Amino acid sequence: MRRGRGETPALGIPFAGAIHPSVAEGIGVTYGEGNVVCERVALGACVRLGNNNFMSAGCGFEHHTSLGSTIASGAIITADVPRNTVVKVRSNMVFRPST
């Protein structure tokens, strides 16, 4: 029988986390369970990660940013992101201020 991702914690099996040694981590960063943080990720001071998040290589999170749980990101995040949210930005997108 195949078990879903949501059933694993209910069985008392925690998700394993993995943090690449190249991660630039500011002071006061906190991690929940089961986070995967890939190479060249930048975590500013006092960033809080919830549980079971996936941070793609090269993304960044500015100081005092709070992320919920089950978030996949490949972006630079400068504000809070609620739980169960997917943040995905294509590499060829360009953001400009409105005039």
PDB file of N, CA and C in Angstrom:
ATOM      1  N   MET A   1       0.837  -1.168   0.000  1.00  0.00           N
ATOM      2  CA  MET A   1       0.000   0.000   0.000  1.00  0.00           C
ATOM      3  C   MET A   1       0.889   1.241   0.000  1.00  0.00           C
ATOM      4  N   ARG A   2       0.566   2.184  -0.859  1.00  0.00           N
ATOM      5  CA  ARG A   2       1.333   3.427  -0.945  1.00  0.00           C
ATOM      6  C   ARG A   2       0.805   4.437   0.063  1.00  0.00           C
ATOM      7  N   ARG A   3       1.696   5.052   0.797  1.00  0.00           N
ATOM      8  CA  ARG A   3       1.296   6.053   1.787  1.00  0.00           C
ATOM      9  C   ARG A   3       1.546   7.439   1.234  1.00  0.00           C
ATOM     10  N   GLY A   4       0.612   8.347   1.510  1.00  0.00           N
ATOM     11  CA  GLY A   4       0.749   9.725   1.058  1.00  0.00           C
ATOM     12  C   GLY A   4       1.681  10.521   1.943  1.00  0.00           C
ATOM     13  N   ARG A   5       2.124  11.631   1.431  1.00  0.00           N
ATOM     14  CA  ARG A   5       3.048  12.502   2.149  1.00  0.00           C
ATOM     15  C   ARG A   5       2.472  12.965   3.479  1.00  0.00           C
ATOM     16  N   GLY A   6       1.174  13.221   3.531  1.00  0.00           N
ATOM     17  CA  GLY A   6       0.541  13.691   4.752  1.00  0.00           C
ATOM     18  C   GLY A   6       0.420  12.635   5.828  1.00  0.00           C
ATOM     19  N   GLU A   7       0.494  11.370   5.462  1.00  0.00           N
ATOM     20  CA  GLU A   7       0.358  10.295   6.445  1.00  0.00           C
ATOM     21  C   GLU A   7       1.648  10.017   7.202  1.00  0.00           C
ATOM     22  N   THR A   8       2.777  10.357   6.630  1.00  0.00           N
ATOM     23  CA  THR A   8       4.064  10.017   7.242  1.00  0.00           C
ATOM     24  C   THR A   8       4.224  10.620   8.638  1.00  0.00           C
ATOM     25  N   PRO A   9       3.990  11.951   8.825  1.00  0.00           N
ATOM     26  CA  PRO A   9       4.119  12.487  10.185  1.00  0.00           C
ATOM     27  C   PRO A   9       3.128  11.861  11.167  1.00  0.00           C
ATOM     28  N   ALA A  10       1.950  11.512  10.686  1.00  0.00           N
ATOM     29  CA  ALA A  10       0.952  10.899  11.557  1.00  0.00           C
ATOM     30  C   ALA A  10       1.433   9.544  12.076  1.00  0.00           C
ATOM     31  N   LEU A  11       2.319   8.909  11.338  1.00  0.00           N
ATOM     32  CA  LEU A  11       2.878   7.632  11.755  1.00  0.00           C
ATOM     33  C   LEU A  11       4.099   7.817  12.662  1.00  0.00           C
ATOM     34  N   GLY A  12       4.443   9.084  12.944  1.00  0.00           N
ATOM     35  CA  GLY A  12       5.593   9.358  13.801  1.00  0.00           C
ATOM     36  C   GLY A  12       6.920   9.305  13.076  1.00  0.00           C
ATOM     37  N   ILE A  13       6.889   9.388  11.745  1.00  0.00           N
ATOM     38  CA  ILE A  13       8.119   9.366  10.954  1.00  0.00           C
ATOM     39  C   ILE A  13       8.400  10.792  10.482  1.00  0.00           C
ATOM     40  N   PRO A  14       9.415  11.453  11.033  1.00  0.00           N
ATOM     41  CA  PRO A  14       9.702  12.828  10.606  1.00  0.00           C
ATOM     42  C   PRO A  14      10.365  12.854   9.233  1.00  0.00           C
ATOM     43  N   PHE A  15      10.153  13.930   8.498  1.00  0.00           N
ATOM     44  CA  PHE A  15      10.831  14.118   7.223  1.00  0.00           C
ATOM     45  C   PHE A  15      12.272  14.533   7.493  1.00  0.00           C
ATOM     46  N   ALA A  16      13.202  13.998   6.726  1.00  0.00           N
ATOM     47  CA  ALA A  16      14.609  14.385   6.863  1.00  0.00           C
ATOM     48  C   ALA A  16      14.841  15.691   6.118  1.00  0.00           C
ATOM     49  N   GLY A  17      15.697  16.533   6.650  1.00  0.00           N
ATOM     50  CA  GLY A  17      16.067  17.778   6.000  1.00  0.00           C
ATOM     51  C   GLY A  17      17.453  17.678   5.401  1.00  0.00           C
ATOM     52  N   ALA A  18      17.745  18.531   4.425  1.00  0.00           N
ATOM     53  CA  ALA A  18      19.074  18.580   3.815  1.00  0.00           C
ATOM     54  C   ALA A  18      19.402  20.030   3.499  1.00  0.00           C
ATOM     55  N   ILE A  19      20.535  20.499   4.025  1.00  0.00           N
ATOM     56  CA  ILE A  19      20.963  21.876   3.792  1.00  0.00           C
ATOM     57  C   ILE A  19      22.357  21.837   3.191  1.00  0.00           C
ATOM     58  N   HIS A  20      22.494  22.384   1.984  1.00  0.00           N
ATOM     59  CA  HIS A  20      23.780  22.369   1.285  1.00  0.00           C
ATOM     60  C   HIS A  20      24.792  23.237   2.040  1.00  0.00           C
ATOM     61  N   PRO A  21      26.064  22.817   2.092  1.00  0.00           N
ATOM     62  CA  PRO A  21      27.067  23.592   2.839  1.00  0.00           C
ATOM     63  C   PRO A  21      27.343  24.982   2.278  1.00  0.00           C
ATOM     64  N   SER A  22      26.932  25.262   1.029  1.00  0.00           N
ATOM     65  CA  SER A  22      27.180  26.584   0.446  1.00  0.00           C
ATOM     66  C   SER A  22      26.107  27.615   0.799  1.00  0.00           C
ATOM     67  N   VAL A  23      25.083  27.222   1.553  1.00  0.00           N
ATOM     68  CA  VAL A  23      24.005  28.142   1.918  1.00  0.00           C
ATOM     69  C   VAL A  23      24.575  29.299   2.741  1.00  0.00           C
ATOM     70  N   ALA A  24      24.250  30.530   2.331  1.00  0.00           N
ATOM     71  CA  ALA A  24      24.662  31.729   3.074  1.00  0.00           C
ATOM     72  C   ALA A  24      23.563  32.035   4.083  1.00  0.00           C
ATOM     73  N   GLU A  25      23.857  31.810   5.337  1.00  0.00           N
ATOM     74  CA  GLU A  25      22.839  31.894   6.387  1.00  0.00           C
ATOM     75  C   GLU A  25      23.139  33.062   7.331  1.00  0.00           C
ATOM     76  N   GLY A  26      22.163  33.980   7.480  1.00  0.00           N
ATOM     77  CA  GLY A  26      22.297  35.085   8.417  1.00  0.00           C
ATOM     78  C   GLY A  26      22.062  34.617   9.848  1.00  0.00           C
ATOM     79  N   ILE A  27      22.245  35.524  10.789  1.00  0.00           N
ATOM     80  CA  ILE A  27      22.033  35.166  12.195  1.00  0.00           C
ATOM     81  C   ILE A  27      20.545  34.960  12.471  1.00  0.00           C
ATOM     82  N   GLY A  28      20.239  34.067  13.380  1.00  0.00           N
ATOM     83  CA  GLY A  28      18.868  33.866  13.829  1.00  0.00           C
ATOM     84  C   GLY A  28      17.954  33.122  12.876  1.00  0.00           C
ATOM     85  N   VAL A  29      18.494  32.431  11.872  1.00  0.00           N
ATOM     86  CA  VAL A  29      17.669  31.650  10.936  1.00  0.00           C
ATOM     87  C   VAL A  29      17.164  30.407  11.654  1.00  0.00           C
ATOM     88  N   THR A  30      15.869  30.096  11.487  1.00  0.00           N
ATOM     89  CA  THR A  30      15.304  28.893  12.099  1.00  0.00           C
ATOM     90  C   THR A  30      14.680  28.007  11.022  1.00  0.00           C
ATOM     91  N   TYR A  31      14.826  26.710  11.202  1.00  0.00           N
ATOM     92  CA  TYR A  31      14.332  25.713  10.256  1.00  0.00           C
ATOM     93  C   TYR A  31      13.302  24.816  10.928  1.00  0.00           C
ATOM     94  N   GLY A  32      12.231  24.499  10.198  1.00  0.00           N
ATOM     95  CA  GLY A  32      11.316  23.465  10.647  1.00  0.00           C
ATOM     96  C   GLY A  32      11.878  22.105  10.236  1.00  0.00           C
ATOM     97  N   GLU A  33      11.031  21.091  10.211  1.00  0.00           N
ATOM     98  CA  GLU A  33      11.454  19.738   9.819  1.00  0.00           C
ATOM     99  C   GLU A  33      11.352  19.542   8.315  1.00  0.00           C
ATOM    100  N   GLY A  34      12.248  18.740   7.775  1.00  0.00           N
ATOM    101  CA  GLY A  34      12.125  18.259   6.403  1.00  0.00           C
ATOM    102  C   GLY A  34      12.389  19.279   5.315  1.00  0.00           C
ATOM    103  N   ASN A  35      13.131  20.350   5.604  1.00  0.00           N
ATOM    104  CA  ASN A  35      13.435  21.342   4.572  1.00  0.00           C
ATOM    105  C   ASN A  35      14.618  20.893   3.732  1.00  0.00           C
ATOM    106  N   VAL A  36      14.532  21.137   2.412  1.00  0.00           N
ATOM    107  CA  VAL A  36      15.634  20.889   1.492  1.00  0.00           C
ATOM    108  C   VAL A  36      16.066  22.257   0.976  1.00  0.00           C
ATOM    109  N   VAL A  37      17.309  22.633   1.296  1.00  0.00           N
ATOM    110  CA  VAL A  37      17.843  23.933   0.905  1.00  0.00           C
ATOM    111  C   VAL A  37      19.055  23.666   0.022  1.00  0.00           C
ATOM    112  N   CYS A  38      18.924  23.987  -1.278  1.00  0.00           N
ATOM    113  CA  CYS A  38      19.961  23.657  -2.260  1.00  0.00           C
ATOM    114  C   CYS A  38      21.104  24.666  -2.261  1.00  0.00           C
ATOM    115  N   GLU A  39      22.078  24.416  -3.126  1.00  0.00           N
ATOM    116  CA  GLU A  39      23.287  25.239  -3.158  1.00  0.00           C
ATOM    117  C   GLU A  39      23.010  26.697  -3.522  1.00  0.00           C
ATOM    118  N   ARG A  40      23.841  27.583  -2.996  1.00  0.00           N
ATOM    119  CA  ARG A  40      23.826  29.020  -3.269  1.00  0.00           C
ATOM    120  C   ARG A  40      22.545  29.719  -2.829  1.00  0.00           C
ATOM    121  N   VAL A  41      21.787  29.163  -1.913  1.00  0.00           N
ATOM    122  CA  VAL A  41      20.618  29.838  -1.359  1.00  0.00           C
ATOM    123  C   VAL A  41      21.108  30.851  -0.328  1.00  0.00           C
ATOM    124  N   ALA A  42      20.482  32.031  -0.314  1.00  0.00           N
ATOM    125  CA  ALA A  42      20.834  33.066   0.662  1.00  0.00           C
ATOM    126  C   ALA A  42      19.666  33.264   1.615  1.00  0.00           C
ATOM    127  N   LEU A  43      19.921  33.084   2.909  1.00  0.00           N
ATOM    128  CA  LEU A  43      18.906  33.275   3.940  1.00  0.00           C
ATOM    129  C   LEU A  43      19.347  34.442   4.813  1.00  0.00           C
ATOM    130  N   GLY A  44      18.589  35.545   4.749  1.00  0.00           N
ATOM    131  CA  GLY A  44      18.929  36.723   5.538  1.00  0.00           C
ATOM    132  C   GLY A  44      18.688  36.501   7.019  1.00  0.00           C
ATOM    133  N   ALA A  45      19.066  37.505   7.816  1.00  0.00           N
ATOM    134  CA  ALA A  45      18.925  37.412   9.272  1.00  0.00           C
ATOM    135  C   ALA A  45      17.480  37.143   9.671  1.00  0.00           C
ATOM    136  N   CYS A  46      17.305  36.243  10.616  1.00  0.00           N
ATOM    137  CA  CYS A  46      16.010  35.946  11.250  1.00  0.00           C
ATOM    138  C   CYS A  46      14.954  35.394  10.298  1.00  0.00           C
ATOM    139  N   VAL A  47      15.366  34.755   9.200  1.00  0.00           N
ATOM    140  CA  VAL A  47      14.416  34.071   8.323  1.00  0.00           C
ATOM    141  C   VAL A  47      13.885  32.858   9.069  1.00  0.00           C
ATOM    142  N   ARG A  48      12.564  32.600   8.940  1.00  0.00           N
ATOM    143  CA  ARG A  48      11.949  31.432   9.578  1.00  0.00           C
ATOM    144  C   ARG A  48      11.327  30.554   8.500  1.00  0.00           C
ATOM    145  N   LEU A  49      11.791  29.305   8.422  1.00  0.00           N
ATOM    146  CA  LEU A  49      11.234  28.344   7.475  1.00  0.00           C
ATOM    147  C   LEU A  49      10.331  27.380   8.223  1.00  0.00           C
ATOM    148  N   GLY A  50       9.146  27.138   7.664  1.00  0.00           N
ATOM    149  CA  GLY A  50       8.240  26.150   8.245  1.00  0.00           C
ATOM    150  C   GLY A  50       8.747  24.741   7.957  1.00  0.00           C
ATOM    151  N   ASN A  51       7.850  23.807   7.708  1.00  0.00           N
ATOM    152  CA  ASN A  51       8.202  22.404   7.481  1.00  0.00           C
ATOM    153  C   ASN A  51       8.061  22.017   6.012  1.00  0.00           C
ATOM    154  N   ASN A  52       8.934  21.101   5.588  1.00  0.00           N
ATOM    155  CA  ASN A  52       8.812  20.437   4.281  1.00  0.00           C
ATOM    156  C   ASN A  52       8.846  21.391   3.097  1.00  0.00           C
ATOM    157  N   ASN A  53       9.752  22.382   3.137  1.00  0.00           N
ATOM    158  CA  ASN A  53       9.924  23.322   2.046  1.00  0.00           C
ATOM    159  C   ASN A  53      11.080  22.891   1.159  1.00  0.00           C
ATOM    160  N   PHE A  54      11.028  23.307  -0.109  1.00  0.00           N
ATOM    161  CA  PHE A  54      12.102  23.029  -1.061  1.00  0.00           C
ATOM    162  C   PHE A  54      12.574  24.354  -1.638  1.00  0.00           C
ATOM    163  N   MET A  55      13.843  24.697  -1.402  1.00  0.00           N
ATOM    164  CA  MET A  55      14.426  25.939  -1.889  1.00  0.00           C
ATOM    165  C   MET A  55      15.426  25.615  -2.994  1.00  0.00           C
ATOM    166  N   SER A  56      15.100  26.005  -4.240  1.00  0.00           N
ATOM    167  CA  SER A  56      15.961  25.712  -5.384  1.00  0.00           C
ATOM    168  C   SER A  56      17.282  26.461  -5.304  1.00  0.00           C
ATOM    169  N   ALA A  57      18.249  25.982  -6.056  1.00  0.00           N
ATOM    170  CA  ALA A  57      19.575  26.597  -6.079  1.00  0.00           C
ATOM    171  C   ALA A  57      19.495  28.061  -6.488  1.00  0.00           C
ATOM    172  N   GLY A  58      20.201  28.897  -5.732  1.00  0.00           N
ATOM    173  CA  GLY A  58      20.343  30.303  -6.085  1.00  0.00           C
ATOM    174  C   GLY A  58      19.219  31.221  -5.645  1.00  0.00           C
ATOM    175  N   CYS A  59      18.214  30.723  -4.961  1.00  0.00           N
ATOM    176  CA  CYS A  59      17.137  31.623  -4.548  1.00  0.00           C
ATOM    177  C   CYS A  59      17.516  32.336  -3.250  1.00  0.00           C
ATOM    178  N   GLY A  60      16.765  33.363  -2.899  1.00  0.00           N
ATOM    179  CA  GLY A  60      17.113  34.137  -1.720  1.00  0.00           C
ATOM    180  C   GLY A  60      15.895  34.559  -0.926  1.00  0.00           C
ATOM    181  N   PHE A  61      16.102  34.739   0.372  1.00  0.00           N
ATOM    182  CA  PHE A  61      15.041  35.141   1.289  1.00  0.00           C
ATOM    183  C   PHE A  61      15.589  36.267   2.153  1.00  0.00           C
ATOM    184  N   GLU A  62      14.984  37.429   2.035  1.00  0.00           N
ATOM    185  CA  GLU A  62      15.467  38.608   2.749  1.00  0.00           C
ATOM    186  C   GLU A  62      15.199  38.495   4.240  1.00  0.00           C
ATOM    187  N   HIS A  63      15.818  39.365   5.016  1.00  0.00           N
ATOM    188  CA  HIS A  63      15.731  39.340   6.477  1.00  0.00           C
ATOM    189  C   HIS A  63      14.288  39.375   6.982  1.00  0.00           C
ATOM    190  N   HIS A  64      14.061  38.681   8.072  1.00  0.00           N
ATOM    191  CA  HIS A  64      12.776  38.610   8.779  1.00  0.00           C
ATOM    192  C   HIS A  64      11.625  38.087   7.925  1.00  0.00           C
ATOM    193  N   THR A  65      11.931  37.293   6.901  1.00  0.00           N
ATOM    194  CA  THR A  65      10.896  36.662   6.090  1.00  0.00           C
ATOM    195  C   THR A  65      10.466  35.376   6.775  1.00  0.00           C
ATOM    196  N   SER A  66       9.157  35.140   6.786  1.00  0.00           N
ATOM    197  CA  SER A  66       8.593  33.935   7.388  1.00  0.00           C
ATOM    198  C   SER A  66       7.936  33.118   6.293  1.00  0.00           C
ATOM    199  N   LEU A  67       8.323  31.860   6.150  1.00  0.00           N
ATOM    200  CA  LEU A  67       7.687  30.992   5.174  1.00  0.00           C
ATOM    201  C   LEU A  67       6.903  29.923   5.894  1.00  0.00           C
ATOM    202  N   GLY A  68       5.730  29.629   5.370  1.00  0.00           N
ATOM    203  CA  GLY A  68       4.900  28.586   5.957  1.00  0.00           C
ATOM    204  C   GLY A  68       5.478  27.213   5.659  1.00  0.00           C
ATOM    205  N   SER A  69       4.617  26.255   5.457  1.00  0.00           N
ATOM    206  CA  SER A  69       5.042  24.888   5.188  1.00  0.00           C
ATOM    207  C   SER A  69       4.642  24.460   3.791  1.00  0.00           C
ATOM    208  N   THR A  70       5.372  23.496   3.251  1.00  0.00           N
ATOM    209  CA  THR A  70       5.115  22.908   1.946  1.00  0.00           C
ATOM    210  C   THR A  70       5.195  23.965   0.848  1.00  0.00           C
ATOM    211  N   ILE A  71       6.291  24.704   0.826  1.00  0.00           N
ATOM    212  CA  ILE A  71       6.532  25.741  -0.177  1.00  0.00           C
ATOM    213  C   ILE A  71       7.715  25.312  -1.031  1.00  0.00           C
ATOM    214  N   ALA A  72       7.564  25.453  -2.349  1.00  0.00           N
ATOM    215  CA  ALA A  72       8.673  25.213  -3.267  1.00  0.00           C
ATOM    216  C   ALA A  72       9.016  26.550  -3.893  1.00  0.00           C
ATOM    217  N   SER A  73      10.278  26.931  -3.847  1.00  0.00           N
ATOM    218  CA  SER A  73      10.649  28.242  -4.347  1.00  0.00           C
ATOM    219  C   SER A  73      11.902  28.206  -5.190  1.00  0.00           C
ATOM    220  N   GLY A  74      11.912  29.043  -6.191  1.00  0.00           N
ATOM    221  CA  GLY A  74      13.095  29.284  -7.000  1.00  0.00           C
ATOM    222  C   GLY A  74      13.246  30.771  -7.210  1.00  0.00           C
ATOM    223  N   ALA A  75      12.721  31.557  -6.291  1.00  0.00           N
ATOM    224  CA  ALA A  75      12.663  33.003  -6.435  1.00  0.00           C
ATOM    225  C   ALA A  75      13.408  33.704  -5.311  1.00  0.00           C
ATOM    226  N   ILE A  76      13.467  35.027  -5.415  1.00  0.00           N
ATOM    227  CA  ILE A  76      13.959  35.853  -4.321  1.00  0.00           C
ATOM    228  C   ILE A  76      12.726  36.387  -3.609  1.00  0.00           C
ATOM    229  N   ILE A  77      12.563  36.044  -2.341  1.00  0.00           N
ATOM    230  CA  ILE A  77      11.371  36.374  -1.576  1.00  0.00           C
ATOM    231  C   ILE A  77      11.698  37.481  -0.584  1.00  0.00           C
ATOM    232  N   THR A  78      10.870  38.528  -0.564  1.00  0.00           N
ATOM    233  CA  THR A  78      11.121  39.658   0.333  1.00  0.00           C
ATOM    234  C   THR A  78       9.977  39.922   1.296  1.00  0.00           C
ATOM    235  N   ALA A  79       8.986  39.039   1.316  1.00  0.00           N
ATOM    236  CA  ALA A  79       7.848  39.204   2.222  1.00  0.00           C
ATOM    237  C   ALA A  79       7.382  37.832   2.673  1.00  0.00           C
ATOM    238  N   ASP A  80       6.459  37.799   3.619  1.00  0.00           N
ATOM    239  CA  ASP A  80       5.953  36.532   4.140  1.00  0.00           C
ATOM    240  C   ASP A  80       5.164  35.773   3.071  1.00  0.00           C
ATOM    241  N   VAL A  81       5.263  34.455   3.106  1.00  0.00           N
ATOM    242  CA  VAL A  81       4.534  33.580   2.189  1.00  0.00           C
ATOM    243  C   VAL A  81       3.718  32.619   3.039  1.00  0.00           C
ATOM    244  N   PRO A  82       2.386  32.537   2.807  1.00  0.00           N
ATOM    245  CA  PRO A  82       1.564  31.632   3.624  1.00  0.00           C
ATOM    246  C   PRO A  82       1.865  30.171   3.336  1.00  0.00           C
ATOM    247  N   ARG A  83       1.398  29.304   4.223  1.00  0.00           N
ATOM    248  CA  ARG A  83       1.646  27.878   4.051  1.00  0.00           C
ATOM    249  C   ARG A  83       0.886  27.320   2.857  1.00  0.00           C
ATOM    250  N   ASN A  84       1.355  26.182   2.377  1.00  0.00           N
ATOM    251  CA  ASN A  84       0.769  25.475   1.231  1.00  0.00           C
ATOM    252  C   ASN A  84       0.721  26.339  -0.021  1.00  0.00           C
ATOM    253  N   THR A  85       1.782  27.091  -0.261  1.00  0.00           N
ATOM    254  CA  THR A  85       1.887  27.967  -1.418  1.00  0.00           C
ATOM    255  C   THR A  85       3.087  27.555  -2.242  1.00  0.00           C
ATOM    256  N   VAL A  86       2.930  27.565  -3.559  1.00  0.00           N
ATOM    257  CA  VAL A  86       4.056  27.303  -4.450  1.00  0.00           C
ATOM    258  C   VAL A  86       4.449  28.624  -5.088  1.00  0.00           C
ATOM    259  N   VAL A  87       5.730  28.977  -4.980  1.00  0.00           N
ATOM    260  CA  VAL A  87       6.253  30.199  -5.584  1.00  0.00           C
ATOM    261  C   VAL A  87       7.205  29.764  -6.673  1.00  0.00           C
ATOM    262  N   LYS A  88       6.858  30.052  -7.927  1.00  0.00           N
ATOM    263  CA  LYS A  88       7.706  29.633  -9.034  1.00  0.00           C
ATOM    264  C   LYS A  88       7.849  30.800  -9.996  1.00  0.00           C
ATOM    265  N   VAL A  89       9.085  31.101 -10.354  1.00  0.00           N
ATOM    266  CA  VAL A  89       9.362  32.188 -11.284  1.00  0.00           C
ATOM    267  C   VAL A  89      10.236  31.622 -12.390  1.00  0.00           C
ATOM    268  N   ARG A  90       9.830  31.834 -13.632  1.00  0.00           N
ATOM    269  CA  ARG A  90      10.645  31.387 -14.764  1.00  0.00           C
ATOM    270  C   ARG A  90      11.905  32.231 -14.840  1.00  0.00           C
ATOM    271  N   SER A  91      13.002  31.624 -15.238  1.00  0.00           N
ATOM    272  CA  SER A  91      14.277  32.343 -15.269  1.00  0.00           C
ATOM    273  C   SER A  91      14.330  33.442 -16.309  1.00  0.00           C
ATOM    274  N   ASN A  92      13.474  33.410 -17.328  1.00  0.00           N
ATOM    275  CA  ASN A  92      13.526  34.437 -18.357  1.00  0.00           C
ATOM    276  C   ASN A  92      12.569  35.602 -18.091  1.00  0.00           C
ATOM    277  N   MET A  93      11.949  35.647 -16.921  1.00  0.00           N
ATOM    278  CA  MET A  93      11.044  36.744 -16.593  1.00  0.00           C
ATOM    279  C   MET A  93      11.836  37.956 -16.118  1.00  0.00           C
ATOM    280  N   VAL A  94      11.366  39.135 -16.485  1.00  0.00           N
ATOM    281  CA  VAL A  94      11.999  40.377 -16.046  1.00  0.00           C
ATOM    282  C   VAL A  94      10.939  41.205 -15.336  1.00  0.00           C
ATOM    283  N   PHE A  95      11.261  41.691 -14.135  1.00  0.00           N
ATOM    284  CA  PHE A  95      10.340  42.517 -13.377  1.00  0.00           C
ATOM    285  C   PHE A  95      10.837  43.945 -13.414  1.00  0.00           C
ATOM    286  N   ARG A  96       9.929  44.873 -13.752  1.00  0.00           N
ATOM    287  CA  ARG A  96      10.270  46.291 -13.774  1.00  0.00           C
ATOM    288  C   ARG A  96       9.236  47.052 -12.967  1.00  0.00           C
ATOM    289  N   PRO A  97       9.644  48.161 -12.312  1.00  0.00           N
ATOM    290  CA  PRO A  97       8.652  48.950 -11.585  1.00  0.00           C
ATOM    291  C   PRO A  97       7.660  49.586 -12.549  1.00  0.00           C
ATOM    292  N   SER A  98       6.418  49.699 -12.099  1.00  0.00           N
ATOM    293  CA  SER A  98       5.409  50.349 -12.961  1.00  0.00           C
ATOM    294  C   SER A  98       5.666  51.847 -12.993  1.00  0.00           C
ATOM    295  N   THR A  99       5.281  52.464 -14.098  1.00  0.00           N
ATOM    296  CA  THR A  99       5.495  53.920 -14.223  1.00  0.00           C
ATOM    297  C   THR A  99       4.198  54.683 -14.178  1.00  0.00           C
TER     298      THR A  99
END
